[in-house]
Amino acid sequence: MMDDVAHLLPAVRADLLPRLGRYVESAAAYEAAVALTGTAVERAFPQRRRAELAGA
């Protein structure tokens, strides 16, 4: 059960960190979320947000 939601904590953390100006940590948290996801569909969101962060 926990494996199904393990990617959510780093994804939420990654979403909140830029609000504090912590962009490098946010990018790392998105990478962690990607690594913990099980499907391509689940990976799409953190990958897109990571790319948006890199372009900012």
C-alpha atoms as a PDB file:
ATOM      1  CA  MET A   1       0.000   0.000   0.000  1.00  0.00           C
ATOM      2  CA  MET A   2       2.692   2.517   0.902  1.00  0.00           C
ATOM      3  CA  ASP A   3       4.467   1.870  -2.406  1.00  0.00           C
ATOM      4  CA  ASP A   4       1.421   3.263  -4.192  1.00  0.00           C
ATOM      5  CA  VAL A   5       1.799   6.650  -2.503  1.00  0.00           C
ATOM      6  CA  ALA A   6       5.537   6.835  -1.774  1.00  0.00           C
ATOM      7  CA  HIS A   7       6.070   9.378  -4.560  1.00  0.00           C
ATOM      8  CA  LEU A   8       3.536  11.829  -3.122  1.00  0.00           C
ATOM      9  CA  LEU A   9       5.647  13.188  -0.261  1.00  0.00           C
ATOM     10  CA  PRO A  10       8.588  14.268  -2.432  1.00  0.00           C
ATOM     11  CA  ALA A  11       6.129  15.633  -5.032  1.00  0.00           C
ATOM     12  CA  VAL A  12       4.384  17.811  -2.455  1.00  0.00           C
ATOM     13  CA  ARG A  13       7.728  18.907  -1.021  1.00  0.00           C
ATOM     14  CA  ALA A  14       8.939  19.771  -4.510  1.00  0.00           C
ATOM     15  CA  ASP A  15       5.830  21.860  -5.099  1.00  0.00           C
ATOM     16  CA  LEU A  16       6.274  23.832  -1.868  1.00  0.00           C
ATOM     17  CA  LEU A  17      10.022  24.498  -1.941  1.00  0.00           C
ATOM     18  CA  PRO A  18      10.011  27.088  -4.764  1.00  0.00           C
ATOM     19  CA  ARG A  19       7.689  29.230  -2.663  1.00  0.00           C
ATOM     20  CA  LEU A  20      10.618  29.516  -0.275  1.00  0.00           C
ATOM     21  CA  GLY A  21      13.090  30.207  -3.073  1.00  0.00           C
ATOM     22  CA  ARG A  22      14.670  26.759  -2.720  1.00  0.00           C
ATOM     23  CA  TYR A  23      14.727  25.802  -6.396  1.00  0.00           C
ATOM     24  CA  VAL A  24      17.649  23.366  -6.330  1.00  0.00           C
ATOM     25  CA  GLU A  25      16.053  21.359  -3.524  1.00  0.00           C
ATOM     26  CA  SER A  26      12.763  21.428  -5.377  1.00  0.00           C
ATOM     27  CA  ALA A  27      14.360  19.975  -8.496  1.00  0.00           C
ATOM     28  CA  ALA A  28      15.929  17.195  -6.419  1.00  0.00           C
ATOM     29  CA  ALA A  29      12.584  16.419  -4.802  1.00  0.00           C
ATOM     30  CA  TYR A  30      10.926  16.177  -8.234  1.00  0.00           C
ATOM     31  CA  GLU A  31      13.650  13.750  -9.286  1.00  0.00           C
ATOM     32  CA  ALA A  32      12.954  11.678  -6.173  1.00  0.00           C
ATOM     33  CA  ALA A  33       9.245  11.662  -6.993  1.00  0.00           C
ATOM     34  CA  VAL A  34      10.000  10.487 -10.532  1.00  0.00           C
ATOM     35  CA  ALA A  35      12.217   7.700  -9.213  1.00  0.00           C
ATOM     36  CA  LEU A  36       9.476   6.480  -6.873  1.00  0.00           C
ATOM     37  CA  THR A  37       6.628   6.409  -9.371  1.00  0.00           C
ATOM     38  CA  GLY A  38       5.524   3.176 -10.926  1.00  0.00           C
ATOM     39  CA  THR A  39       4.049   4.222 -14.256  1.00  0.00           C
ATOM     40  CA  ALA A  40       4.743   6.618 -17.091  1.00  0.00           C
ATOM     41  CA  VAL A  41       1.503   8.436 -16.359  1.00  0.00           C
ATOM     42  CA  GLU A  42       2.561   9.054 -12.760  1.00  0.00           C
ATOM     43  CA  ARG A  43       6.027  10.184 -13.883  1.00  0.00           C
ATOM     44  CA  ALA A  44       4.654  12.722 -16.373  1.00  0.00           C
ATOM     45  CA  PHE A  45       3.585  15.315 -13.790  1.00  0.00           C
ATOM     46  CA  PRO A  46       6.812  15.563 -11.766  1.00  0.00           C
ATOM     47  CA  GLN A  47       8.865  15.421 -14.974  1.00  0.00           C
ATOM     48  CA  ARG A  48       6.866  18.307 -16.455  1.00  0.00           C
ATOM     49  CA  ARG A  49       7.106  20.361 -13.272  1.00  0.00           C
ATOM     50  CA  ARG A  50      10.868  19.690 -13.095  1.00  0.00           C
ATOM     51  CA  ALA A  51      11.239  20.927 -16.674  1.00  0.00           C
ATOM     52  CA  GLU A  52       9.193  24.040 -15.882  1.00  0.00           C
ATOM     53  CA  LEU A  53      11.407  24.707 -12.885  1.00  0.00           C
ATOM     54  CA  ALA A  54      14.534  24.425 -15.008  1.00  0.00           C
ATOM     55  CA  GLY A  55      13.117  26.959 -17.454  1.00  0.00           C
ATOM     56  CA  ALA A  56      12.251  29.496 -14.757  1.00  0.00           C
END
